[in-house]
Amino acid sequence: SMLSVLTVAACTPKEHEVEIVDEHIEAVDFDSDADVIGISFMTAHAPRAYQLAEEFRQRGKTVVFGGFHPTFMTAEALQHCDAVVAGEAENTWPRVLRDIESNRLRRVYQSSRPVDLGTLQAVPRDLLKQNGYITVNTVQASRGCNNACRFCSVSPFYGKKQRFRPVARVVEELRNIPGRFVLFIDDNITGDSDYSKQLFRAMIPLKKKWISQASLKIADDGELVELAARSGCCGLFVGLESINSRSLNEVEKGFNATERYGQSIRKLQDAGIGIETGIIFGFDHDEVSVFERTLDFLLKHNIDAIQVSALTPLPGTRLYEKMVREKRIIEYRWEHYDYRHVVFRPRNMTPEKLQNGVDWTIGQFYSGR
């Protein structure tokens, strides 16, 4: 989501002029007259970010990195930039700019406390090229997640506790958004059911349509499902990860009750909520039979869309530390850490078998039939 750079733009002191460039939809202008270049990136984009940084530094620009990869691989990132903003930017970015102005730029800026989400400014969506996106209406009601799944970098980045924006502030932002469709980029929009119920009740009069990510636990609370639907929820991304409960326990996602998957999914679909499921292959308990069994499950339950990944040990996660310790990583080219390439040695199959299984499952699910 471009919301991360918009958020940095929002906390930039007013005297600075800000331009946002998204390389997905436009070319980077290396002859820009900007003094400071900020680049935010996740692991798979690190090689490209380093390339951009070298280009800009050769032209005498100050380059600052932020986002997940520089936060967890700070020493590596510092070889390619002037400074790193580790973690959330709101508390540190204005200081970075002041330090650049007075020639006192430090190497690393680490926020000392989690951001109080009640203080967030409205984001300047007008800085985005409006026609480059399905929607620029991305909104965040909360940050972080109370779960600590081993393969996930969200809690290492945001801290162990989910934080929430005041409902009134979220509703005010939604009211000012033109158009009906909104994408909540929260990691778990229903992480705290009391907060979610308050938010959804307040959203009903706005008549928006929205999608977001949630844990399947939402289905255990009938009132929550009903309020989500009434507030305009038309789709949820749900990380099922595996139909194998031993795999889930292995990565501390045992709260996903595999035996109830079917009825939970039906509850959401009956409420008019489409389901995109996240599936991960390559856990230590996965054997080659997992691909066919998973495909059968997805087709049987009429899942609307899928995001299938090869298990990826991202820097910052406990999974990464474990794989490094066990010397199971076979590939450190970051551009392959995109969830579609196998970069480690699985327990019960070869890397090739895992790669073929991921590709096969996607091909079968989206085949003509």
Protein backbone atom coordinates (compact mmCIF):
# COMPACT_ATOMS: atom_id res chain seq x y z
CA SER A 1 0.00 0.00 0.00
CA MET A 2 1.17 3.53 -0.71
CA LEU A 3 -0.25 4.48 2.68
CA SER A 4 3.20 4.08 4.25
CA VAL A 5 4.75 6.91 2.24
CA LEU A 6 1.59 8.99 2.53
CA THR A 7 1.90 8.62 6.30
CA VAL A 8 5.45 9.96 6.17
CA ALA A 9 4.24 12.82 3.97
CA ALA A 10 1.54 13.59 6.55
CA CYS A 11 4.07 14.02 9.38
CA THR A 12 6.46 16.13 7.28
CA PRO A 13 6.61 19.71 8.60
CA LYS A 14 4.65 22.07 6.35
CA GLU A 15 7.62 24.14 5.16
CA HIS A 16 8.92 21.19 3.11
CA GLU A 17 7.63 20.35 -0.34
CA VAL A 18 6.83 16.67 -0.85
CA GLU A 19 6.57 14.64 -4.04
CA ILE A 20 5.68 10.95 -4.09
CA VAL A 21 6.97 8.61 -6.79
CA ASP A 22 5.69 5.05 -7.07
CA GLU A 23 7.90 3.05 -9.39
CA HIS A 24 5.09 0.54 -10.00
CA ILE A 25 3.35 3.14 -12.14
CA GLU A 26 5.92 5.75 -13.21
CA ALA A 27 9.60 6.17 -13.94
CA VAL A 28 11.94 7.66 -11.36
CA ASP A 29 13.35 11.07 -12.31
CA PHE A 30 17.01 10.99 -11.29
CA ASP A 31 17.36 14.66 -12.22
CA SER A 32 14.77 15.71 -9.64
CA ASP A 33 15.75 18.88 -7.75
CA ALA A 34 14.75 17.31 -4.42
CA ASP A 35 17.37 17.62 -1.66
CA VAL A 36 16.33 14.53 0.30
CA ILE A 37 15.22 11.19 -1.12
CA GLY A 38 13.26 8.89 1.20
CA ILE A 39 12.81 5.26 0.13
CA SER A 40 10.52 2.83 1.97
CA PHE A 41 10.75 -0.85 1.09
CA MET A 42 10.17 -4.43 2.07
CA THR A 43 12.69 -7.23 1.60
CA ALA A 44 11.95 -8.24 -2.00
CA HIS A 45 12.50 -4.65 -3.17
CA ALA A 46 15.80 -4.16 -1.33
CA PRO A 47 18.08 -4.70 -4.37
CA ARG A 48 16.15 -2.10 -6.39
CA ALA A 49 16.10 0.34 -3.45
CA TYR A 50 19.89 0.03 -3.12
CA GLN A 51 20.28 0.70 -6.85
CA LEU A 52 18.11 3.82 -6.66
CA ALA A 53 20.02 5.03 -3.61
CA GLU A 54 23.40 4.68 -5.35
CA GLU A 55 22.11 6.67 -8.34
CA PHE A 56 20.80 9.49 -6.15
CA ARG A 57 23.87 9.62 -3.91
CA GLN A 58 26.12 9.94 -6.97
CA ARG A 59 24.08 13.04 -7.73
CA GLY A 60 24.80 14.42 -4.26
CA LYS A 61 21.40 13.72 -2.70
CA THR A 62 20.83 12.72 0.92
CA VAL A 63 19.10 9.31 0.95
CA VAL A 64 17.06 8.07 3.92
CA PHE A 65 15.66 4.53 4.13
CA GLY A 66 12.64 3.33 6.09
CA GLY A 67 10.23 0.41 6.21
CA PHE A 68 10.46 -3.24 7.18
CA HIS A 69 13.72 -4.32 5.54
CA PRO A 70 15.93 -1.41 6.70
CA THR A 71 14.45 -1.77 10.19
CA PHE A 72 15.51 -5.41 10.48
CA MET A 73 18.68 -5.34 8.31
CA THR A 74 19.96 -1.94 9.43
CA ALA A 75 23.69 -2.62 9.05
CA GLU A 76 23.19 -3.85 5.48
CA ALA A 77 20.92 -0.92 4.59
CA LEU A 78 23.42 1.63 5.96
CA GLN A 79 25.97 0.55 3.34
CA HIS A 80 23.69 2.12 0.72
CA CYS A 81 22.17 5.22 2.35
CA ASP A 82 22.89 8.16 4.65
CA ALA A 83 20.40 7.31 7.41
CA VAL A 84 17.82 4.70 8.40
CA VAL A 85 14.49 5.38 10.11
CA ALA A 86 13.83 2.16 12.01
CA GLY A 87 10.25 1.29 12.92
CA GLU A 88 7.41 3.80 12.74
CA ALA A 89 8.36 7.19 11.30
CA GLU A 90 6.00 9.66 12.97
CA ASN A 91 8.12 10.32 16.04
CA THR A 92 11.47 10.51 14.23
CA TRP A 93 11.04 11.80 10.65
CA PRO A 94 10.62 15.50 11.55
CA ARG A 95 13.84 15.24 13.58
CA VAL A 96 15.67 13.68 10.61
CA LEU A 97 14.75 16.71 8.49
CA ARG A 98 15.87 19.15 11.19
CA ASP A 99 19.18 17.31 11.54
CA ILE A 100 19.76 17.43 7.77
CA GLU A 101 19.13 21.18 7.76
CA SER A 102 21.67 21.74 10.52
CA ASN A 103 24.21 19.26 9.09
CA ARG A 104 23.88 16.91 12.05
CA LEU A 105 22.34 13.84 10.41
CA ARG A 106 22.77 10.72 12.52
CA ARG A 107 22.92 7.22 11.01
CA VAL A 108 19.97 5.55 12.73
CA TYR A 109 16.72 7.01 14.08
CA GLN A 110 14.74 4.62 16.24
CA SER A 111 11.43 5.67 17.75
CA SER A 112 11.57 5.29 21.53
CA ARG A 113 7.84 4.66 21.97
CA PRO A 114 4.95 3.35 19.87
CA VAL A 115 3.07 6.09 18.02
CA ASP A 116 -0.14 7.31 19.66
CA LEU A 117 -2.59 6.70 16.81
CA GLY A 118 -4.88 9.44 18.15
CA THR A 119 -2.34 11.99 16.91
CA LEU A 120 -2.22 10.83 13.26
CA GLN A 121 -2.72 13.57 10.67
CA ALA A 122 -4.99 13.19 7.63
CA VAL A 123 -2.97 11.74 4.76
CA PRO A 124 -2.47 13.87 1.61
CA ARG A 125 -3.97 11.45 -0.94
CA ASP A 126 -3.84 14.18 -3.59
CA LEU A 127 -0.07 13.51 -3.82
CA LEU A 128 -0.76 10.16 -5.52
CA LYS A 129 -1.35 9.75 -9.25
CA GLN A 130 -5.08 9.10 -8.98
CA ASN A 131 -5.41 6.95 -12.09
CA GLY A 132 -2.59 4.55 -11.24
CA TYR A 133 -4.52 2.54 -8.66
CA ILE A 134 -7.66 0.47 -8.27
CA THR A 135 -8.29 2.86 -5.38
CA VAL A 136 -6.26 5.44 -3.45
CA ASN A 137 -8.77 5.14 -0.59
CA THR A 138 -6.59 3.17 1.78
CA VAL A 139 -7.29 3.69 5.47
CA GLN A 140 -5.74 2.32 8.64
CA ALA A 141 -7.80 1.97 11.82
CA SER A 142 -5.21 0.02 13.79
CA ARG A 143 -1.58 -1.00 13.72
CA GLY A 144 -0.03 -4.28 14.64
CA CYS A 145 -1.45 -7.60 15.75
CA ASN A 146 -1.70 -9.37 19.10
CA ASN A 147 -0.74 -12.69 17.54
CA ALA A 148 2.91 -13.58 17.09
CA CYS A 149 3.04 -16.08 14.25
CA ARG A 150 6.68 -17.06 13.67
CA PHE A 151 6.72 -16.29 9.94
CA CYS A 152 5.26 -12.79 10.32
CA SER A 153 7.19 -9.52 10.71
CA VAL A 154 4.22 -7.42 11.86
CA SER A 155 4.65 -7.82 15.63
CA PRO A 156 8.46 -7.49 15.51
CA PHE A 157 7.90 -4.18 13.65
CA TYR A 158 4.91 -2.69 15.50
CA GLY A 159 5.33 -4.26 18.93
CA LYS A 160 3.37 -7.01 20.65
CA LYS A 161 0.16 -5.07 21.10
CA GLN A 162 -2.35 -3.92 18.56
CA ARG A 163 -3.07 -0.18 18.79
CA PHE A 164 -6.22 1.58 17.63
CA ARG A 165 -7.19 4.97 16.28
CA PRO A 166 -10.15 6.64 17.95
CA VAL A 167 -13.31 5.54 16.11
CA ALA A 168 -14.40 9.16 15.64
CA ARG A 169 -11.16 9.98 13.78
CA VAL A 170 -11.53 6.99 11.46
CA VAL A 171 -15.16 7.86 10.71
CA GLU A 172 -14.24 11.49 10.04
CA GLU A 173 -11.59 10.35 7.56
CA LEU A 174 -14.03 7.96 5.85
CA ARG A 175 -16.59 10.76 5.57
CA ASN A 176 -14.08 12.93 3.70
CA ILE A 177 -13.16 10.21 1.21
CA PRO A 178 -14.91 10.60 -2.14
CA GLY A 179 -16.27 7.43 -3.70
CA ARG A 180 -17.78 4.43 -2.01
CA PHE A 181 -14.95 1.92 -1.94
CA VAL A 182 -12.39 1.73 0.88
CA LEU A 183 -9.51 -0.60 1.58
CA PHE A 184 -8.56 -0.98 5.26
CA ILE A 185 -4.92 -2.05 5.31
CA ASP A 186 -5.05 -3.16 8.95
CA ASP A 187 -3.27 -6.42 9.66
CA ASN A 188 -6.29 -7.62 11.60
CA ILE A 189 -9.35 -5.35 11.46
CA THR A 190 -11.20 -7.53 14.00
CA GLY A 191 -8.29 -8.02 16.41
CA ASP A 192 -10.29 -6.42 19.23
CA SER A 193 -13.97 -7.24 18.82
CA ASP A 194 -15.22 -4.40 21.06
CA TYR A 195 -13.33 -1.82 19.02
CA SER A 196 -14.45 -3.38 15.73
CA LYS A 197 -18.10 -3.44 16.75
CA GLN A 198 -17.93 0.24 17.71
CA LEU A 199 -16.25 1.09 14.41
CA PHE A 200 -18.64 -0.95 12.25
CA ARG A 201 -21.73 0.50 14.00
CA ALA A 202 -20.43 4.01 13.34
CA MET A 203 -19.78 3.14 9.69
CA ILE A 204 -23.27 1.86 8.83
CA PRO A 205 -24.68 5.35 7.97
CA LEU A 206 -21.69 6.07 5.67
CA LYS A 207 -22.84 3.41 3.18
CA LYS A 208 -19.27 2.53 2.15
CA LYS A 209 -18.13 -0.78 0.66
CA TRP A 210 -14.89 -2.06 2.16
CA ILE A 211 -12.43 -4.92 2.27
CA SER A 212 -9.67 -5.71 4.77
CA GLN A 213 -7.72 -8.48 6.48
CA ALA A 214 -9.04 -10.39 9.47
CA SER A 215 -8.36 -13.53 11.43
CA LEU A 216 -10.89 -16.32 10.89
CA LYS A 217 -11.83 -15.94 14.57
CA ILE A 218 -14.30 -13.26 13.40
CA ALA A 219 -16.66 -16.11 12.46
CA ASP A 220 -16.98 -17.18 16.11
CA ASP A 221 -18.86 -13.96 16.89
CA GLY A 222 -22.17 -13.78 15.02
CA GLU A 223 -22.80 -10.16 16.01
CA LEU A 224 -19.38 -9.12 14.71
CA VAL A 225 -20.01 -10.79 11.34
CA GLU A 226 -23.43 -9.16 11.07
CA LEU A 227 -22.08 -5.68 11.91
CA ALA A 228 -19.19 -6.10 9.46
CA ALA A 229 -21.65 -6.94 6.69
CA ARG A 230 -24.03 -4.09 7.60
CA SER A 231 -21.15 -1.61 7.65
CA GLY A 232 -20.34 -2.54 4.04
CA CYS A 233 -17.76 -5.32 4.29
CA CYS A 234 -17.79 -7.16 0.97
CA GLY A 235 -14.52 -9.09 1.25
CA LEU A 236 -11.88 -10.24 3.72
CA PHE A 237 -8.39 -11.59 3.29
CA VAL A 238 -8.02 -14.39 5.83
CA GLY A 239 -4.70 -16.08 6.53
CA LEU A 240 -5.64 -19.74 6.85
CA GLU A 241 -1.97 -20.61 6.10
CA SER A 242 -2.45 -24.38 6.32
CA ILE A 243 -5.11 -27.07 6.49
CA ASN A 244 -2.63 -29.04 8.61
CA SER A 245 -3.06 -28.24 12.31
CA ARG A 246 0.42 -29.55 13.17
CA SER A 247 1.90 -26.98 10.78
CA LEU A 248 -0.06 -24.20 12.45
CA ASN A 249 1.10 -25.20 15.93
CA GLU A 250 4.68 -25.26 14.65
CA VAL A 251 4.50 -21.52 13.81
CA GLU A 252 2.28 -20.58 16.78
CA LYS A 253 -0.86 -20.05 14.76
CA GLY A 254 -2.72 -22.83 16.53
CA PHE A 255 -5.65 -20.49 17.19
CA ASN A 256 -6.75 -21.27 13.61
CA ALA A 257 -9.03 -24.27 14.21
CA THR A 258 -8.68 -26.29 11.00
CA GLU A 259 -11.63 -28.56 11.78
CA ARG A 260 -13.92 -25.50 11.83
CA TYR A 261 -12.54 -23.83 8.66
CA GLY A 262 -15.44 -24.95 6.50
CA GLN A 263 -18.27 -23.69 8.69
CA SER A 264 -16.43 -20.44 9.52
CA ILE A 265 -15.95 -19.66 5.83
CA ARG A 266 -19.60 -20.46 5.09
CA LYS A 267 -20.72 -18.07 7.85
CA LEU A 268 -18.85 -15.20 6.23
CA GLN A 269 -19.96 -16.06 2.70
CA ASP A 270 -23.59 -16.35 3.84
CA ALA A 271 -23.27 -12.79 5.17
CA GLY A 272 -22.21 -11.63 1.69
CA ILE A 273 -18.51 -11.41 2.50
CA GLY A 274 -16.15 -12.82 -0.14
CA ILE A 275 -13.11 -14.70 1.10
CA GLU A 276 -9.55 -14.55 -0.16
CA THR A 277 -7.45 -17.06 1.73
CA GLY A 278 -3.74 -16.92 2.39
CA ILE A 279 -2.14 -20.35 2.04
CA ILE A 280 1.50 -21.09 2.87
CA PHE A 281 3.33 -24.23 1.77
CA GLY A 282 6.65 -25.46 3.14
CA PHE A 283 6.12 -25.90 6.89
CA ASP A 284 8.12 -28.68 8.56
CA HIS A 285 5.03 -30.89 8.75
CA ASP A 286 4.10 -30.43 5.08
CA GLU A 287 4.55 -33.45 2.84
CA VAL A 288 4.03 -33.61 -0.93
CA SER A 289 0.38 -34.67 -0.44
CA VAL A 290 -0.41 -31.22 1.03
CA PHE A 291 -0.85 -29.57 -2.40
CA GLU A 292 -3.67 -31.80 -3.63
CA ARG A 293 -5.39 -31.88 -0.24
CA THR A 294 -5.33 -28.08 -0.04
CA LEU A 295 -6.66 -27.64 -3.59
CA ASP A 296 -9.55 -30.03 -2.83
CA PHE A 297 -10.38 -27.99 0.28
CA LEU A 298 -10.30 -24.64 -1.60
CA LEU A 299 -12.57 -25.90 -4.38
CA LYS A 300 -14.95 -27.70 -2.01
CA HIS A 301 -15.53 -24.53 0.01
CA ASN A 302 -15.90 -22.22 -3.00
CA ILE A 303 -13.13 -19.90 -1.87
CA ASP A 304 -13.31 -16.70 -3.95
CA ALA A 305 -9.60 -15.98 -4.35
CA ILE A 306 -6.31 -17.29 -3.02
CA GLN A 307 -2.85 -16.00 -2.25
CA VAL A 308 -0.52 -19.00 -2.22
CA SER A 309 3.01 -18.50 -0.88
CA ALA A 310 6.11 -20.53 -0.38
CA LEU A 311 7.04 -20.16 3.29
CA THR A 312 9.45 -17.21 3.31
CA PRO A 313 11.86 -16.57 6.18
CA LEU A 314 11.73 -12.78 6.19
CA PRO A 315 14.40 -10.86 8.12
CA GLY A 316 13.00 -9.78 11.47
CA THR A 317 10.98 -12.95 12.01
CA ARG A 318 11.69 -15.81 14.39
CA LEU A 319 11.40 -18.10 11.38
CA TYR A 320 14.37 -16.34 9.77
CA GLU A 321 16.49 -16.70 12.90
CA LYS A 322 15.62 -20.40 13.12
CA MET A 323 16.44 -21.04 9.44
CA VAL A 324 19.76 -19.17 9.73
CA ARG A 325 20.60 -21.18 12.89
CA GLU A 326 19.74 -24.47 11.17
CA LYS A 327 21.69 -23.41 8.03
CA ARG A 328 18.64 -24.11 5.87
CA ILE A 329 18.63 -20.92 3.81
CA ILE A 330 19.85 -21.65 0.28
CA GLU A 331 19.36 -18.26 -1.28
CA TYR A 332 20.09 -14.74 -0.02
CA ARG A 333 19.11 -12.81 -3.14
CA TRP A 334 16.45 -10.60 -1.56
CA GLU A 335 14.45 -10.18 -4.79
CA HIS A 336 13.50 -13.85 -4.38
CA TYR A 337 11.95 -13.19 -0.96
CA ASP A 338 8.68 -12.38 -2.73
CA TYR A 339 6.66 -15.39 -1.42
CA ARG A 340 6.82 -17.07 -4.85
CA HIS A 341 10.39 -18.43 -4.73
CA VAL A 342 11.66 -21.16 -2.42
CA VAL A 343 14.71 -19.80 -0.59
CA PHE A 344 15.24 -22.54 2.04
CA ARG A 345 15.44 -26.32 2.39
CA PRO A 346 12.07 -27.78 3.48
CA ARG A 347 12.01 -30.74 5.92
CA ASN A 348 9.96 -33.28 3.96
CA MET A 349 10.52 -32.48 0.29
CA THR A 350 13.11 -30.94 -1.98
CA PRO A 351 13.05 -27.19 -2.72
CA GLU A 352 12.06 -28.10 -6.33
CA LYS A 353 9.05 -30.14 -5.17
CA LEU A 354 7.91 -27.23 -2.99
CA GLN A 355 8.34 -24.74 -5.85
CA ASN A 356 6.40 -26.99 -8.24
CA GLY A 357 3.65 -27.53 -5.67
CA VAL A 358 3.15 -23.79 -5.13
CA ASP A 359 3.00 -23.13 -8.89
CA TRP A 360 0.74 -26.16 -9.52
CA THR A 361 -1.79 -25.15 -6.85
CA ILE A 362 -2.14 -21.61 -8.22
CA GLY A 363 -2.42 -22.90 -11.80
CA GLN A 364 -5.10 -25.47 -10.86
CA PHE A 365 -7.17 -23.07 -8.73
CA TYR A 366 -7.26 -20.42 -11.46
CA SER A 367 -7.59 -22.83 -14.39
CA GLY A 368 -10.50 -22.53 -16.81
CA ARG A 369 -12.60 -25.11 -15.05
